[in-house]
Amino acid sequence: MQRIHGTNAFTGAASTDPRRAAIELEIAMELRRRWPELRRHALHRGMGGLRAVTQLEQRDAAASDAAVRFVDGCTTAERAHIALSRLRWRLS
C-alpha cells in the first residue's frame, strides 16, 4: 500500500523529474539485490528509470549515476535487452 498525498515526492513527481528516474533505478537495484527471483521485474522497473533518464532535458548527476550502477549490475542478456530498447527509444 502507498499513501498518496500532495507532497509525495515520488507519485506526484512529473515524469521529467530527475528524482523520479533515480528513484525508479534505486528501487530496481534494491529489488534485484534483495530478491534475485524478482530479477525480471527489477529489469522492467529499471527500464522505466533508464528511459526517463534518456528523456531528461538536462543531465542530472544523481540519475545518470543510478543509471550507470543499474546497468553495471545487469547480465549480458539484460544489457542486450537494454541496448535494443534504447535503440527503439531513439527511433520513436
PDB file of N, CA and C in Angstrom:
ATOM      1  N   MET A   1       0.846  -1.183   0.000  1.00  0.00           N
ATOM      2  CA  MET A   1       0.000   0.000   0.000  1.00  0.00           C
ATOM      3  C   MET A   1       0.881   1.233   0.000  1.00  0.00           C
ATOM      4  N   GLN A   2       0.359   2.291  -0.579  1.00  0.00           N
ATOM      5  CA  GLN A   2       1.072   3.555  -0.608  1.00  0.00           C
ATOM      6  C   GLN A   2       0.087   4.673  -0.333  1.00  0.00           C
ATOM      7  N   ARG A   3       0.465   5.532   0.573  1.00  0.00           N
ATOM      8  CA  ARG A   3      -0.364   6.693   0.860  1.00  0.00           C
ATOM      9  C   ARG A   3      -0.009   7.773  -0.150  1.00  0.00           C
ATOM     10  N   ILE A   4      -0.996   8.291  -0.858  1.00  0.00           N
ATOM     11  CA  ILE A   4      -0.766   9.330  -1.855  1.00  0.00           C
ATOM     12  C   ILE A   4      -1.287  10.648  -1.305  1.00  0.00           C
ATOM     13  N   HIS A   5      -0.422  11.651  -1.329  1.00  0.00           N
ATOM     14  CA  HIS A   5      -0.785  12.980  -0.834  1.00  0.00           C
ATOM     15  C   HIS A   5      -0.057  14.020  -1.668  1.00  0.00           C
ATOM     16  N   GLY A   6      -0.399  15.265  -1.485  1.00  0.00           N
ATOM     17  CA  GLY A   6       0.128  16.358  -2.303  1.00  0.00           C
ATOM     18  C   GLY A   6       1.629  16.531  -2.267  1.00  0.00           C
ATOM     19  N   THR A   7       2.270  16.160  -1.169  1.00  0.00           N
ATOM     20  CA  THR A   7       3.715  16.355  -1.083  1.00  0.00           C
ATOM     21  C   THR A   7       4.492  15.065  -1.270  1.00  0.00           C
ATOM     22  N   ASN A   8       3.834  14.054  -1.838  1.00  0.00           N
ATOM     23  CA  ASN A   8       4.507  12.793  -2.081  1.00  0.00           C
ATOM     24  C   ASN A   8       5.595  13.026  -3.133  1.00  0.00           C
ATOM     25  N   ALA A   9       6.843  12.762  -2.763  1.00  0.00           N
ATOM     26  CA  ALA A   9       7.978  13.075  -3.632  1.00  0.00           C
ATOM     27  C   ALA A   9       8.055  12.195  -4.869  1.00  0.00           C
ATOM     28  N   PHE A  10       7.441  11.034  -4.850  1.00  0.00           N
ATOM     29  CA  PHE A  10       7.565  10.133  -5.987  1.00  0.00           C
ATOM     30  C   PHE A  10       6.318  10.139  -6.861  1.00  0.00           C
ATOM     31  N   THR A  11       5.182   9.806  -6.301  1.00  0.00           N
ATOM     32  CA  THR A  11       3.959   9.686  -7.089  1.00  0.00           C
ATOM     33  C   THR A  11       3.563  11.018  -7.716  1.00  0.00           C
ATOM     34  N   GLY A  12       3.755  12.101  -6.982  1.00  0.00           N
ATOM     35  CA  GLY A  12       3.371  13.404  -7.504  1.00  0.00           C
ATOM     36  C   GLY A  12       4.387  14.019  -8.444  1.00  0.00           C
ATOM     37  N   ALA A  13       5.552  13.404  -8.581  1.00  0.00           N
ATOM     38  CA  ALA A  13       6.601  13.975  -9.425  1.00  0.00           C
ATOM     39  C   ALA A  13       6.269  13.787 -10.898  1.00  0.00           C
ATOM     40  N   ALA A  14       6.594  14.783 -11.664  1.00  0.00           N
ATOM     41  CA  ALA A  14       6.400  14.685 -13.111  1.00  0.00           C
ATOM     42  C   ALA A  14       7.343  13.635 -13.678  1.00  0.00           C
ATOM     43  N   SER A  15       6.964  13.053 -14.797  1.00  0.00           N
ATOM     44  CA  SER A  15       7.811  12.012 -15.390  1.00  0.00           C
ATOM     45  C   SER A  15       9.156  12.572 -15.839  1.00  0.00           C
ATOM     46  N   THR A  16       9.261  13.888 -15.978  1.00  0.00           N
ATOM     47  CA  THR A  16      10.523  14.517 -16.370  1.00  0.00           C
ATOM     48  C   THR A  16      11.365  14.927 -15.163  1.00  0.00           C
ATOM     49  N   ASP A  17      10.899  14.617 -13.970  1.00  0.00           N
ATOM     50  CA  ASP A  17      11.646  14.952 -12.753  1.00  0.00           C
ATOM     51  C   ASP A  17      12.785  13.963 -12.597  1.00  0.00           C
ATOM     52  N   PRO A  18      14.040  14.436 -12.543  1.00  0.00           N
ATOM     53  CA  PRO A  18      15.173  13.508 -12.436  1.00  0.00           C
ATOM     54  C   PRO A  18      15.143  12.662 -11.168  1.00  0.00           C
ATOM     55  N   ARG A  19      14.506  13.164 -10.109  1.00  0.00           N
ATOM     56  CA  ARG A  19      14.389  12.371  -8.884  1.00  0.00           C
ATOM     57  C   ARG A  19      13.595  11.101  -9.135  1.00  0.00           C
ATOM     58  N   ARG A  20      12.582  11.205  -9.960  1.00  0.00           N
ATOM     59  CA  ARG A  20      11.738  10.039 -10.265  1.00  0.00           C
ATOM     60  C   ARG A  20      12.559   8.958 -10.971  1.00  0.00           C
ATOM     61  N   ALA A  21      13.371   9.362 -11.932  1.00  0.00           N
ATOM     62  CA  ALA A  21      14.214   8.406 -12.644  1.00  0.00           C
ATOM     63  C   ALA A  21      15.189   7.739 -11.689  1.00  0.00           C
ATOM     64  N   ALA A  22      15.837   8.527 -10.838  1.00  0.00           N
ATOM     65  CA  ALA A  22      16.803   7.981  -9.886  1.00  0.00           C
ATOM     66  C   ALA A  22      16.124   7.029  -8.906  1.00  0.00           C
ATOM     67  N   ILE A  23      14.932   7.377  -8.455  1.00  0.00           N
ATOM     68  CA  ILE A  23      14.199   6.528  -7.510  1.00  0.00           C
ATOM     69  C   ILE A  23      13.821   5.199  -8.171  1.00  0.00           C
ATOM     70  N   GLU A  24      13.333   5.246  -9.414  1.00  0.00           N
ATOM     71  CA  GLU A  24      12.985   4.014 -10.139  1.00  0.00           C
ATOM     72  C   GLU A  24      14.188   3.091 -10.232  1.00  0.00           C
ATOM     73  N   LEU A  25      15.339   3.654 -10.547  1.00  0.00           N
ATOM     74  CA  LEU A  25      16.546   2.851 -10.688  1.00  0.00           C
ATOM     75  C   LEU A  25      17.007   2.295  -9.344  1.00  0.00           C
ATOM     76  N   GLU A  26      16.920   3.089  -8.295  1.00  0.00           N
ATOM     77  CA  GLU A  26      17.305   2.617  -6.957  1.00  0.00           C
ATOM     78  C   GLU A  26      16.391   1.480  -6.499  1.00  0.00           C
ATOM     79  N   ILE A  27      15.099   1.618  -6.769  1.00  0.00           N
ATOM     80  CA  ILE A  27      14.142   0.560  -6.415  1.00  0.00           C
ATOM     81  C   ILE A  27      14.492  -0.722  -7.174  1.00  0.00           C
ATOM     82  N   ALA A  28      14.775  -0.588  -8.466  1.00  0.00           N
ATOM     83  CA  ALA A  28      15.117  -1.758  -9.276  1.00  0.00           C
ATOM     84  C   ALA A  28      16.375  -2.442  -8.758  1.00  0.00           C
ATOM     85  N   MET A  29      17.389  -1.662  -8.400  1.00  0.00           N
ATOM     86  CA  MET A  29      18.626  -2.253  -7.886  1.00  0.00           C
ATOM     87  C   MET A  29      18.405  -2.953  -6.549  1.00  0.00           C
ATOM     88  N   GLU A  30      17.578  -2.367  -5.720  1.00  0.00           N
ATOM     89  CA  GLU A  30      17.305  -2.983  -4.417  1.00  0.00           C
ATOM     90  C   GLU A  30      16.475  -4.257  -4.576  1.00  0.00           C
ATOM     91  N   LEU A  31      15.508  -4.250  -5.483  1.00  0.00           N
ATOM     92  CA  LEU A  31      14.743  -5.469  -5.771  1.00  0.00           C
ATOM     93  C   LEU A  31      15.677  -6.581  -6.227  1.00  0.00           C
ATOM     94  N   ARG A  32      16.559  -6.240  -7.129  1.00  0.00           N
ATOM     95  CA  ARG A  32      17.498  -7.220  -7.679  1.00  0.00           C
ATOM     96  C   ARG A  32      18.426  -7.757  -6.589  1.00  0.00           C
ATOM     97  N   ARG A  33      18.864  -6.883  -5.688  1.00  0.00           N
ATOM     98  CA  ARG A  33      19.778  -7.288  -4.622  1.00  0.00           C
ATOM     99  C   ARG A  33      19.090  -8.162  -3.573  1.00  0.00           C
ATOM    100  N   ARG A  34      17.911  -7.730  -3.134  1.00  0.00           N
ATOM    101  CA  ARG A  34      17.221  -8.445  -2.046  1.00  0.00           C
ATOM    102  C   ARG A  34      16.513  -9.716  -2.498  1.00  0.00           C
ATOM    103  N   TRP A  35      15.928  -9.658  -3.671  1.00  0.00           N
ATOM    104  CA  TRP A  35      15.129 -10.783  -4.151  1.00  0.00           C
ATOM    105  C   TRP A  35      15.555 -11.157  -5.570  1.00  0.00           C
ATOM    106  N   PRO A  36      16.605 -11.956  -5.705  1.00  0.00           N
ATOM    107  CA  PRO A  36      17.081 -12.343  -7.043  1.00  0.00           C
ATOM    108  C   PRO A  36      16.003 -12.983  -7.909  1.00  0.00           C
ATOM    109  N   GLU A  37      15.030 -13.631  -7.287  1.00  0.00           N
ATOM    110  CA  GLU A  37      13.956 -14.245  -8.068  1.00  0.00           C
ATOM    111  C   GLU A  37      13.055 -13.203  -8.753  1.00  0.00           C
ATOM    112  N   LEU A  38      13.168 -11.952  -8.350  1.00  0.00           N
ATOM    113  CA  LEU A  38      12.401 -10.871  -8.974  1.00  0.00           C
ATOM    114  C   LEU A  38      13.239 -10.090  -9.991  1.00  0.00           C
ATOM    115  N   ARG A  39      14.311 -10.692 -10.441  1.00  0.00           N
ATOM    116  CA  ARG A  39      15.243 -10.016 -11.342  1.00  0.00           C
ATOM    117  C   ARG A  39      14.546  -9.503 -12.611  1.00  0.00           C
ATOM    118  N   ARG A  40      13.650 -10.300 -13.151  1.00  0.00           N
ATOM    119  CA  ARG A  40      12.932  -9.875 -14.369  1.00  0.00           C
ATOM    120  C   ARG A  40      12.076  -8.638 -14.092  1.00  0.00           C
ATOM    121  N   HIS A  41      11.386  -8.636 -12.968  1.00  0.00           N
ATOM    122  CA  HIS A  41      10.594  -7.468 -12.582  1.00  0.00           C
ATOM    123  C   HIS A  41      11.508  -6.268 -12.333  1.00  0.00           C
ATOM    124  N   ALA A  42      12.649  -6.506 -11.693  1.00  0.00           N
ATOM    125  CA  ALA A  42      13.604  -5.429 -11.429  1.00  0.00           C
ATOM    126  C   ALA A  42      14.100  -4.813 -12.738  1.00  0.00           C
ATOM    127  N   LEU A  43      14.340  -5.662 -13.739  1.00  0.00           N
ATOM    128  CA  LEU A  43      14.784  -5.153 -15.038  1.00  0.00           C
ATOM    129  C   LEU A  43      13.700  -4.276 -15.654  1.00  0.00           C
ATOM    130  N   HIS A  44      12.460  -4.739 -15.608  1.00  0.00           N
ATOM    131  CA  HIS A  44      11.346  -3.955 -16.145  1.00  0.00           C
ATOM    132  C   HIS A  44      11.253  -2.604 -15.441  1.00  0.00           C
ATOM    133  N   ARG A  45      11.366  -2.623 -14.136  1.00  0.00           N
ATOM    134  CA  ARG A  45      11.294  -1.386 -13.342  1.00  0.00           C
ATOM    135  C   ARG A  45      12.460  -0.459 -13.687  1.00  0.00           C
ATOM    136  N   GLY A  46      13.649  -1.054 -13.809  1.00  0.00           N
ATOM    137  CA  GLY A  46      14.823  -0.264 -14.146  1.00  0.00           C
ATOM    138  C   GLY A  46      14.760   0.324 -15.540  1.00  0.00           C
ATOM    139  N   MET A  47      14.136  -0.385 -16.458  1.00  0.00           N
ATOM    140  CA  MET A  47      13.992   0.121 -17.825  1.00  0.00           C
ATOM    141  C   MET A  47      13.190   1.421 -17.839  1.00  0.00           C
ATOM    142  N   GLY A  48      12.179   1.498 -16.984  1.00  0.00           N
ATOM    143  CA  GLY A  48      11.423   2.736 -16.879  1.00  0.00           C
ATOM    144  C   GLY A  48      12.307   3.885 -16.418  1.00  0.00           C
ATOM    145  N   GLY A  49      13.159   3.608 -15.454  1.00  0.00           N
ATOM    146  CA  GLY A  49      14.089   4.626 -14.975  1.00  0.00           C
ATOM    147  C   GLY A  49      15.103   5.020 -16.035  1.00  0.00           C
ATOM    148  N   LEU A  50      15.616   4.035 -16.768  1.00  0.00           N
ATOM    149  CA  LEU A  50      16.578   4.333 -17.831  1.00  0.00           C
ATOM    150  C   LEU A  50      15.947   5.183 -18.928  1.00  0.00           C
ATOM    151  N   ARG A  51      14.710   4.843 -19.278  1.00  0.00           N
ATOM    152  CA  ARG A  51      14.034   5.639 -20.315  1.00  0.00           C
ATOM    153  C   ARG A  51      13.823   7.073 -19.838  1.00  0.00           C
ATOM    154  N   ALA A  52      13.465   7.224 -18.573  1.00  0.00           N
ATOM    155  CA  ALA A  52      13.270   8.567 -18.025  1.00  0.00           C
ATOM    156  C   ALA A  52      14.576   9.358 -18.053  1.00  0.00           C
ATOM    157  N   VAL A  53      15.693   8.696 -17.752  1.00  0.00           N
ATOM    158  CA  VAL A  53      16.991   9.380 -17.780  1.00  0.00           C
ATOM    159  C   VAL A  53      17.293   9.855 -19.198  1.00  0.00           C
ATOM    160  N   THR A  54      16.996   9.047 -20.208  1.00  0.00           N
ATOM    161  CA  THR A  54      17.288   9.444 -21.581  1.00  0.00           C
ATOM    162  C   THR A  54      16.386  10.583 -22.050  1.00  0.00           C
ATOM    163  N   GLN A  55      15.234  10.749 -21.412  1.00  0.00           N
ATOM    164  CA  GLN A  55      14.297  11.792 -21.819  1.00  0.00           C
ATOM    165  C   GLN A  55      14.480  13.098 -21.048  1.00  0.00           C
ATOM    166  N   LEU A  56      15.382  13.120 -20.079  1.00  0.00           N
ATOM    167  CA  LEU A  56      15.593  14.348 -19.315  1.00  0.00           C
ATOM    168  C   LEU A  56      16.137  15.441 -20.219  1.00  0.00           C
ATOM    169  N   GLU A  57      15.620  16.645 -20.048  1.00  0.00           N
ATOM    170  CA  GLU A  57      16.080  17.768 -20.862  1.00  0.00           C
ATOM    171  C   GLU A  57      17.495  18.188 -20.460  1.00  0.00           C
ATOM    172  N   GLN A  58      17.786  18.121 -19.169  1.00  0.00           N
ATOM    173  CA  GLN A  58      19.115  18.457 -18.676  1.00  0.00           C
ATOM    174  C   GLN A  58      19.699  17.241 -17.981  1.00  0.00           C
ATOM    175  N   ARG A  59      20.994  17.070 -18.117  1.00  0.00           N
ATOM    176  CA  ARG A  59      21.662  15.930 -17.481  1.00  0.00           C
ATOM    177  C   ARG A  59      21.615  16.101 -15.968  1.00  0.00           C
ATOM    178  N   ASP A  60      21.273  15.042 -15.276  1.00  0.00           N
ATOM    179  CA  ASP A  60      21.211  15.048 -13.818  1.00  0.00           C
ATOM    180  C   ASP A  60      22.219  14.030 -13.304  1.00  0.00           C
ATOM    181  N   ALA A  61      23.149  14.486 -12.456  1.00  0.00           N
ATOM    182  CA  ALA A  61      24.239  13.624 -11.988  1.00  0.00           C
ATOM    183  C   ALA A  61      23.727  12.415 -11.211  1.00  0.00           C
ATOM    184  N   ALA A  62      22.773  12.610 -10.314  1.00  0.00           N
ATOM    185  CA  ALA A  62      22.267  11.506  -9.490  1.00  0.00           C
ATOM    186  C   ALA A  62      21.556  10.463 -10.346  1.00  0.00           C
ATOM    187  N   ALA A  63      20.733  10.922 -11.271  1.00  0.00           N
ATOM    188  CA  ALA A  63      20.008   9.991 -12.144  1.00  0.00           C
ATOM    189  C   ALA A  63      20.976   9.262 -13.076  1.00  0.00           C
ATOM    190  N   SER A  64      21.953   9.979 -13.617  1.00  0.00           N
ATOM    191  CA  SER A  64      22.941   9.355 -14.504  1.00  0.00           C
ATOM    192  C   SER A  64      23.777   8.329 -13.757  1.00  0.00           C
ATOM    193  N   ASP A  65      24.175   8.651 -12.534  1.00  0.00           N
ATOM    194  CA  ASP A  65      24.950   7.716 -11.712  1.00  0.00           C
ATOM    195  C   ASP A  65      24.137   6.462 -11.411  1.00  0.00           C
ATOM    196  N   ALA A  66      22.870   6.639 -11.079  1.00  0.00           N
ATOM    197  CA  ALA A  66      21.998   5.491 -10.803  1.00  0.00           C
ATOM    198  C   ALA A  66      21.852   4.625 -12.052  1.00  0.00           C
ATOM    199  N   ALA A  67      21.761   5.256 -13.219  1.00  0.00           N
ATOM    200  CA  ALA A  67      21.638   4.503 -14.469  1.00  0.00           C
ATOM    201  C   ALA A  67      22.890   3.656 -14.720  1.00  0.00           C
ATOM    202  N   VAL A  68      24.050   4.238 -14.498  1.00  0.00           N
ATOM    203  CA  VAL A  68      25.306   3.503 -14.697  1.00  0.00           C
ATOM    204  C   VAL A  68      25.389   2.330 -13.726  1.00  0.00           C
ATOM    205  N   ARG A  69      25.053   2.561 -12.458  1.00  0.00           N
ATOM    206  CA  ARG A  69      25.114   1.485 -11.466  1.00  0.00           C
ATOM    207  C   ARG A  69      24.115   0.376 -11.790  1.00  0.00           C
ATOM    208  N   PHE A  70      22.939   0.755 -12.267  1.00  0.00           N
ATOM    209  CA  PHE A  70      21.938  -0.246 -12.630  1.00  0.00           C
ATOM    210  C   PHE A  70      22.456  -1.136 -13.758  1.00  0.00           C
ATOM    211  N   VAL A  71      22.962  -0.525 -14.817  1.00  0.00           N
ATOM    212  CA  VAL A  71      23.447  -1.291 -15.968  1.00  0.00           C
ATOM    213  C   VAL A  71      24.665  -2.133 -15.578  1.00  0.00           C
ATOM    214  N   ASP A  72      25.524  -1.609 -14.721  1.00  0.00           N
ATOM    215  CA  ASP A  72      26.694  -2.373 -14.269  1.00  0.00           C
ATOM    216  C   ASP A  72      26.299  -3.687 -13.599  1.00  0.00           C
ATOM    217  N   GLY A  73      25.148  -3.705 -12.953  1.00  0.00           N
ATOM    218  CA  GLY A  73      24.692  -4.913 -12.265  1.00  0.00           C
ATOM    219  C   GLY A  73      23.910  -5.873 -13.140  1.00  0.00           C
ATOM    220  N   CYS A  74      23.764  -5.549 -14.405  1.00  0.00           N
ATOM    221  CA  CYS A  74      22.982  -6.383 -15.325  1.00  0.00           C
ATOM    222  C   CYS A  74      23.831  -7.492 -15.935  1.00  0.00           C
ATOM    223  N   THR A  75      23.156  -8.561 -16.297  1.00  0.00           N
ATOM    224  CA  THR A  75      23.808  -9.659 -17.005  1.00  0.00           C
ATOM    225  C   THR A  75      24.008  -9.246 -18.467  1.00  0.00           C
ATOM    226  N   THR A  76      24.749 -10.051 -19.212  1.00  0.00           N
ATOM    227  CA  THR A  76      24.978  -9.780 -20.633  1.00  0.00           C
ATOM    228  C   THR A  76      23.659  -9.757 -21.400  1.00  0.00           C
ATOM    229  N   ALA A  77      22.780 -10.699 -21.117  1.00  0.00           N
ATOM    230  CA  ALA A  77      21.481 -10.746 -21.796  1.00  0.00           C
ATOM    231  C   ALA A  77      20.647  -9.508 -21.460  1.00  0.00           C
ATOM    232  N   GLU A  78      20.690  -9.082 -20.201  1.00  0.00           N
ATOM    233  CA  GLU A  78      19.939  -7.884 -19.806  1.00  0.00           C
ATOM    234  C   GLU A  78      20.505  -6.640 -20.490  1.00  0.00           C
ATOM    235  N   ARG A  79      21.815  -6.579 -20.616  1.00  0.00           N
ATOM    236  CA  ARG A  79      22.438  -5.432 -21.301  1.00  0.00           C
ATOM    237  C   ARG A  79      22.043  -5.398 -22.774  1.00  0.00           C
ATOM    238  N   ALA A  80      21.939  -6.562 -23.394  1.00  0.00           N
ATOM    239  CA  ALA A  80      21.499  -6.628 -24.790  1.00  0.00           C
ATOM    240  C   ALA A  80      20.060  -6.119 -24.899  1.00  0.00           C
ATOM    241  N   HIS A  81      19.218  -6.524 -23.964  1.00  0.00           N
ATOM    242  CA  HIS A  81      17.826  -6.057 -23.933  1.00  0.00           C
ATOM    243  C   HIS A  81      17.783  -4.537 -23.780  1.00  0.00           C
ATOM    244  N   ILE A  82      18.601  -4.003 -22.897  1.00  0.00           N
ATOM    245  CA  ILE A  82      18.669  -2.553 -22.677  1.00  0.00           C
ATOM    246  C   ILE A  82      19.127  -1.846 -23.955  1.00  0.00           C
ATOM    247  N   ALA A  83      20.154  -2.366 -24.614  1.00  0.00           N
ATOM    248  CA  ALA A  83      20.665  -1.745 -25.837  1.00  0.00           C
ATOM    249  C   ALA A  83      19.596  -1.702 -26.926  1.00  0.00           C
ATOM    250  N   LEU A  84      18.858  -2.800 -27.096  1.00  0.00           N
ATOM    251  CA  LEU A  84      17.786  -2.821 -28.091  1.00  0.00           C
ATOM    252  C   LEU A  84      16.671  -1.843 -27.735  1.00  0.00           C
ATOM    253  N   SER A  85      16.358  -1.758 -26.460  1.00  0.00           N
ATOM    254  CA  SER A  85      15.313  -0.832 -26.028  1.00  0.00           C
ATOM    255  C   SER A  85      15.736   0.610 -26.260  1.00  0.00           C
ATOM    256  N   ARG A  86      16.986   0.926 -25.960  1.00  0.00           N
ATOM    257  CA  ARG A  86      17.485   2.297 -26.190  1.00  0.00           C
ATOM    258  C   ARG A  86      17.408   2.651 -27.667  1.00  0.00           C
ATOM    259  N   LEU A  87      17.707   1.693 -28.529  1.00  0.00           N
ATOM    260  CA  LEU A  87      17.607   1.928 -29.966  1.00  0.00           C
ATOM    261  C   LEU A  87      16.164   2.228 -30.356  1.00  0.00           C
ATOM    262  N   ARG A  88      15.223   1.452 -29.818  1.00  0.00           N
ATOM    263  CA  ARG A  88      13.795   1.691 -30.089  1.00  0.00           C
ATOM    264  C   ARG A  88      13.380   3.080 -29.606  1.00  0.00           C
ATOM    265  N   TRP A  89      13.864   3.490 -28.420  1.00  0.00           N
ATOM    266  CA  TRP A  89      13.501   4.812 -27.885  1.00  0.00           C
ATOM    267  C   TRP A  89      13.985   5.925 -28.797  1.00  0.00           C
ATOM    268  N   ARG A  90      15.184   5.757 -29.351  1.00  0.00           N
ATOM    269  CA  ARG A  90      15.725   6.799 -30.253  1.00  0.00           C
ATOM    270  C   ARG A  90      14.938   6.873 -31.539  1.00  0.00           C
ATOM    271  N   LEU A  91      14.456   5.728 -32.013  1.00  0.00           N
ATOM    272  CA  LEU A  91      13.729   5.689 -33.273  1.00  0.00           C
ATOM    273  C   LEU A  91      12.284   6.168 -33.134  1.00  0.00           C
ATOM    274  N   SER A  92      11.753   6.151 -31.923  1.00  0.00           N
ATOM    275  CA  SER A  92      10.348   6.547 -31.757  1.00  0.00           C
ATOM    276  C   SER A  92      10.205   8.006 -31.392  1.00  0.00           C
TER     277      SER A  92
END
